[in-house]
Amino acid sequence: MTKPAFECTTVTLFASRNRLLRNLRKALLVCFVPLLYCGVAAKVPDCGLVCEVYGGLLLATERELIGSIRTLEKVAKPVAGPRNTRGRWVQREVYLGPEAYDTIFYLRNGLVQRIELTSTAPDVRCRSRAPWAATVAVLGAWQGKDPVTGKLDTGSSVQQSSHWASDDLDVSVYLLLTAETCTTKVVFKKREAKDATVL
C-alpha cells in the first residue's frame, strides 16, 4: 500500500491557513491602498476605510507601508517614539470624519508598531473640543461600542482619553489642553495580550 502523496496534521493546516490569510491581507493592501491614496486624502463622513487600512498596516514591513500609501513623506529626522520606536514616515491631511490629521508611522525592527495621528485643527477649534468630540463619535461608530474613558482635570490642564479594544487592535483618542497648547491625537497599535501567568 502506497503512502498518500500529501499528508498534513491539523496543526500544519492551521499554520498554512494563517500564513495564507496574512499574505492575502498584505497583498490586498498593496494592491488597493495606492488607489485610495493616489492623491490628497478626501474628506469622508466616517473613518471606515482609513481605519481599516491603518489597522491592517500594523506589523507590516516598511516596504509594504511604502508600497501601500503613495503620499508618504520620509521624516527628515526620525521622531523618537515609545518602546524604542522611530517615526520614519508621515502622511498629511488624512480625514477621520470631518477632522483632518497628520499621521506618523512608527517602526521598530523594520515593522510598523504604532500609527499616531495629530489633529491639524486651529487652536481655537481644538479648545472648543470639536475635533475631540467628532473623532470619538466617528471611532465609536466604527467600533460599534462605547469607549472606556478617562479624564484628569488639574485646573490648569485637562487630559482626556477614550479607548477601544478589539481582538488584536487598540485605538485611543487623547486630548491635552493647557494654557499654552491644545492637542488632539489618535493612536492605533496592536493589542498586547497579557499572559495570565505573569499577572
Protein backbone atom coordinates (compact mmCIF):
# COMPACT_ATOMS: atom_id res chain seq x y z
CA MET A 1 0.00 0.00 0.00
CA THR A 2 1.47 3.37 -1.05
CA LYS A 3 1.52 6.34 1.25
CA PRO A 4 -0.62 9.34 0.28
CA ALA A 5 1.29 11.93 -1.71
CA PHE A 6 0.20 14.67 0.69
CA GLU A 7 -0.04 14.34 4.43
CA CYS A 8 -0.70 17.09 6.93
CA THR A 9 -1.76 17.46 10.52
CA THR A 10 -4.36 19.81 11.95
CA VAL A 11 -1.55 22.00 13.26
CA THR A 12 0.12 22.42 9.87
CA LEU A 13 -3.26 23.08 8.24
CA PHE A 14 -3.95 25.92 10.68
CA ALA A 15 -0.43 27.30 10.29
CA SER A 16 -0.75 27.26 6.50
CA ARG A 17 -4.18 28.88 6.69
CA ASN A 18 -2.91 31.69 8.96
CA ARG A 19 0.08 32.36 6.69
CA LEU A 20 -2.21 32.45 3.65
CA LEU A 21 -4.61 34.90 5.32
CA ARG A 22 -1.75 37.20 6.39
CA ASN A 23 -0.25 37.17 2.90
CA LEU A 24 -3.64 37.75 1.29
CA ARG A 25 -4.34 40.73 3.55
CA LYS A 26 -0.96 42.27 2.74
CA ALA A 27 -1.46 41.67 -0.98
CA LEU A 28 -4.85 43.38 -0.87
CA LEU A 29 -3.35 46.34 0.98
CA VAL A 30 -0.51 46.71 -1.51
CA CYS A 31 -2.89 46.49 -4.48
CA PHE A 32 -5.80 48.55 -3.16
CA VAL A 33 -4.43 51.23 -0.84
CA PRO A 34 -2.49 53.10 -3.57
CA LEU A 35 -5.82 53.69 -5.30
CA LEU A 36 -7.16 55.23 -2.11
CA TYR A 37 -4.12 57.46 -1.50
CA CYS A 38 -3.04 58.34 -5.03
CA GLY A 39 -3.82 62.00 -4.26
CA VAL A 40 -4.69 64.12 -1.25
CA ALA A 41 -6.98 62.18 1.07
CA ALA A 42 -10.60 63.14 0.55
CA LYS A 43 -12.96 64.14 3.32
CA VAL A 44 -15.30 61.25 4.10
CA PRO A 45 -18.27 61.04 6.51
CA ASP A 46 -16.66 58.34 8.64
CA CYS A 47 -13.32 56.67 9.24
CA GLY A 48 -14.16 53.23 7.86
CA LEU A 49 -11.62 52.80 5.08
CA VAL A 50 -8.84 54.83 6.71
CA CYS A 51 -9.29 52.95 10.00
CA GLU A 52 -9.36 49.55 8.31
CA VAL A 53 -6.23 50.35 6.29
CA TYR A 54 -4.33 51.69 9.30
CA GLY A 55 -5.33 48.69 11.39
CA GLY A 56 -4.15 46.39 8.60
CA LEU A 57 -0.77 48.13 8.33
CA LEU A 58 0.23 47.39 11.91
CA LEU A 59 3.16 44.91 11.85
CA ALA A 60 3.55 45.43 8.09
CA THR A 61 7.11 45.80 6.83
CA GLU A 62 8.48 49.21 5.89
CA ARG A 63 8.48 48.16 2.23
CA GLU A 64 4.79 47.18 2.45
CA LEU A 65 3.99 50.52 4.09
CA ILE A 66 5.78 52.47 1.34
CA GLY A 67 4.09 50.41 -1.37
CA SER A 68 0.67 50.87 0.21
CA ILE A 69 0.48 54.66 0.60
CA ARG A 70 1.84 56.78 -2.25
CA THR A 71 1.51 60.09 -0.40
CA LEU A 72 4.01 59.16 2.32
CA GLU A 73 6.84 61.59 3.04
CA LYS A 74 10.05 60.49 4.72
CA VAL A 75 10.72 62.28 8.01
CA ALA A 76 13.98 64.26 7.76
CA LYS A 77 14.96 63.26 11.30
CA PRO A 78 13.22 60.18 12.75
CA VAL A 79 10.97 61.01 15.71
CA ALA A 80 11.64 59.06 18.92
CA GLY A 81 8.53 57.15 19.97
CA PRO A 82 7.56 54.84 22.81
CA ARG A 83 9.25 51.46 23.26
CA ASN A 84 12.24 52.25 21.06
CA THR A 85 10.11 53.02 18.00
CA ARG A 86 11.05 55.67 15.46
CA GLY A 87 8.63 57.80 13.46
CA ARG A 88 10.06 57.48 9.95
CA TRP A 89 7.14 58.31 7.64
CA VAL A 90 4.37 60.91 7.61
CA GLN A 91 1.10 61.17 5.71
CA ARG A 92 -0.61 64.56 5.69
CA GLU A 93 -4.27 65.58 5.59
CA VAL A 94 -5.94 62.30 6.44
CA TYR A 95 -9.58 62.65 7.43
CA LEU A 96 -11.37 60.85 10.24
CA GLY A 97 -14.91 62.02 9.62
CA PRO A 98 -14.78 65.83 9.24
CA GLU A 99 -11.44 66.24 11.04
CA ALA A 100 -8.05 66.46 9.31
CA TYR A 101 -4.98 64.77 10.81
CA ASP A 102 -1.30 64.36 10.01
CA THR A 103 -0.15 60.76 10.56
CA ILE A 104 3.26 59.49 11.69
CA PHE A 105 4.13 55.81 11.26
CA TYR A 106 6.43 54.47 13.98
CA LEU A 107 8.62 51.45 13.23
CA ARG A 108 10.83 49.08 15.19
CA ASN A 109 12.90 46.28 13.68
CA GLY A 110 11.53 47.19 10.25
CA LEU A 111 7.86 46.73 11.23
CA VAL A 112 5.07 49.26 11.77
CA GLN A 113 4.39 49.24 15.52
CA ARG A 114 2.36 52.39 16.09
CA ILE A 115 0.35 54.82 13.97
CA GLU A 116 -0.22 58.24 15.52
CA LEU A 117 -2.48 60.94 14.12
CA THR A 118 -2.32 64.57 15.28
CA SER A 119 -5.18 66.96 14.55
CA THR A 120 -4.35 69.93 12.32
CA ALA A 121 -7.28 71.96 13.67
CA PRO A 122 -6.51 75.56 14.72
CA ASP A 123 -6.02 76.18 18.43
CA VAL A 124 -9.41 77.88 18.86
CA ARG A 125 -11.23 74.91 17.32
CA CYS A 126 -9.20 72.43 19.39
CA ARG A 127 -10.13 74.29 22.58
CA SER A 128 -13.81 74.02 21.65
CA ARG A 129 -13.19 70.23 21.77
CA ALA A 130 -14.93 69.86 18.41
CA PRO A 131 -12.16 67.66 16.88
CA TRP A 132 -12.15 65.53 20.03
CA ALA A 133 -15.95 65.04 20.06
CA ALA A 134 -16.20 64.40 16.31
CA THR A 135 -13.37 61.85 16.35
CA VAL A 136 -14.75 60.00 19.38
CA ALA A 137 -18.13 59.78 17.62
CA VAL A 138 -16.59 58.52 14.37
CA LEU A 139 -14.42 55.89 16.08
CA GLY A 140 -17.32 54.80 18.29
CA ALA A 141 -19.47 54.24 15.21
CA TRP A 142 -16.66 52.28 13.54
CA GLN A 143 -16.08 50.11 16.61
CA GLY A 144 -19.79 49.70 17.29
CA LYS A 145 -19.43 50.20 21.03
CA ASP A 146 -18.80 52.81 23.71
CA PRO A 147 -15.20 53.52 24.71
CA VAL A 148 -13.50 53.20 28.05
CA THR A 149 -12.93 56.80 29.10
CA GLY A 150 -10.71 58.73 31.48
CA LYS A 151 -10.29 62.35 32.49
CA LEU A 152 -7.86 64.33 34.64
CA ASP A 153 -8.58 67.99 35.31
CA THR A 154 -6.00 69.78 37.47
CA GLY A 155 -7.47 73.24 36.95
CA SER A 156 -4.50 74.34 34.85
CA SER A 157 -4.68 71.43 32.41
CA VAL A 158 -7.10 68.81 31.14
CA GLN A 159 -6.19 65.33 29.92
CA GLN A 160 -8.97 63.24 28.45
CA SER A 161 -8.93 59.83 26.74
CA SER A 162 -11.26 57.37 25.03
CA HIS A 163 -10.12 53.85 24.31
CA TRP A 164 -11.48 50.91 22.29
CA ALA A 165 -10.00 47.40 22.37
CA SER A 166 -10.81 44.60 19.91
CA ASP A 167 -9.26 41.17 19.44
CA ASP A 168 -5.96 42.44 18.03
CA LEU A 169 -6.23 46.24 17.90
CA ASP A 170 -6.14 49.12 20.39
CA VAL A 171 -7.42 52.54 19.27
CA SER A 172 -7.25 55.58 21.54
CA VAL A 173 -8.11 59.28 21.30
CA TYR A 174 -6.29 61.75 23.57
CA LEU A 175 -6.99 65.40 24.34
CA LEU A 176 -4.37 67.54 26.09
CA LEU A 177 -5.48 71.04 26.98
CA THR A 178 -3.26 73.58 28.79
CA ALA A 179 -2.95 77.36 28.85
CA GLU A 180 -0.22 77.16 26.21
CA THR A 181 -1.39 74.39 23.89
CA CYS A 182 -4.21 72.12 22.78
CA THR A 183 -3.65 68.78 21.06
CA THR A 184 -5.96 66.02 19.84
CA LYS A 185 -4.30 62.71 18.95
CA VAL A 186 -5.41 59.27 17.77
CA VAL A 187 -3.23 56.18 18.25
CA PHE A 188 -3.52 52.80 16.52
CA LYS A 189 -1.43 49.93 17.88
CA LYS A 190 -1.57 46.16 18.13
CA ARG A 191 -3.34 44.88 21.20
CA GLU A 192 -0.87 43.29 23.60
CA ALA A 193 -2.38 40.17 25.12
CA LYS A 194 -1.22 39.66 28.68
CA ASP A 195 -0.25 36.20 29.85
CA ALA A 196 -2.32 35.36 32.92
CA THR A 197 0.65 33.52 34.42
CA VAL A 198 2.58 36.79 34.79
CA LEU A 199 -0.24 38.91 36.19
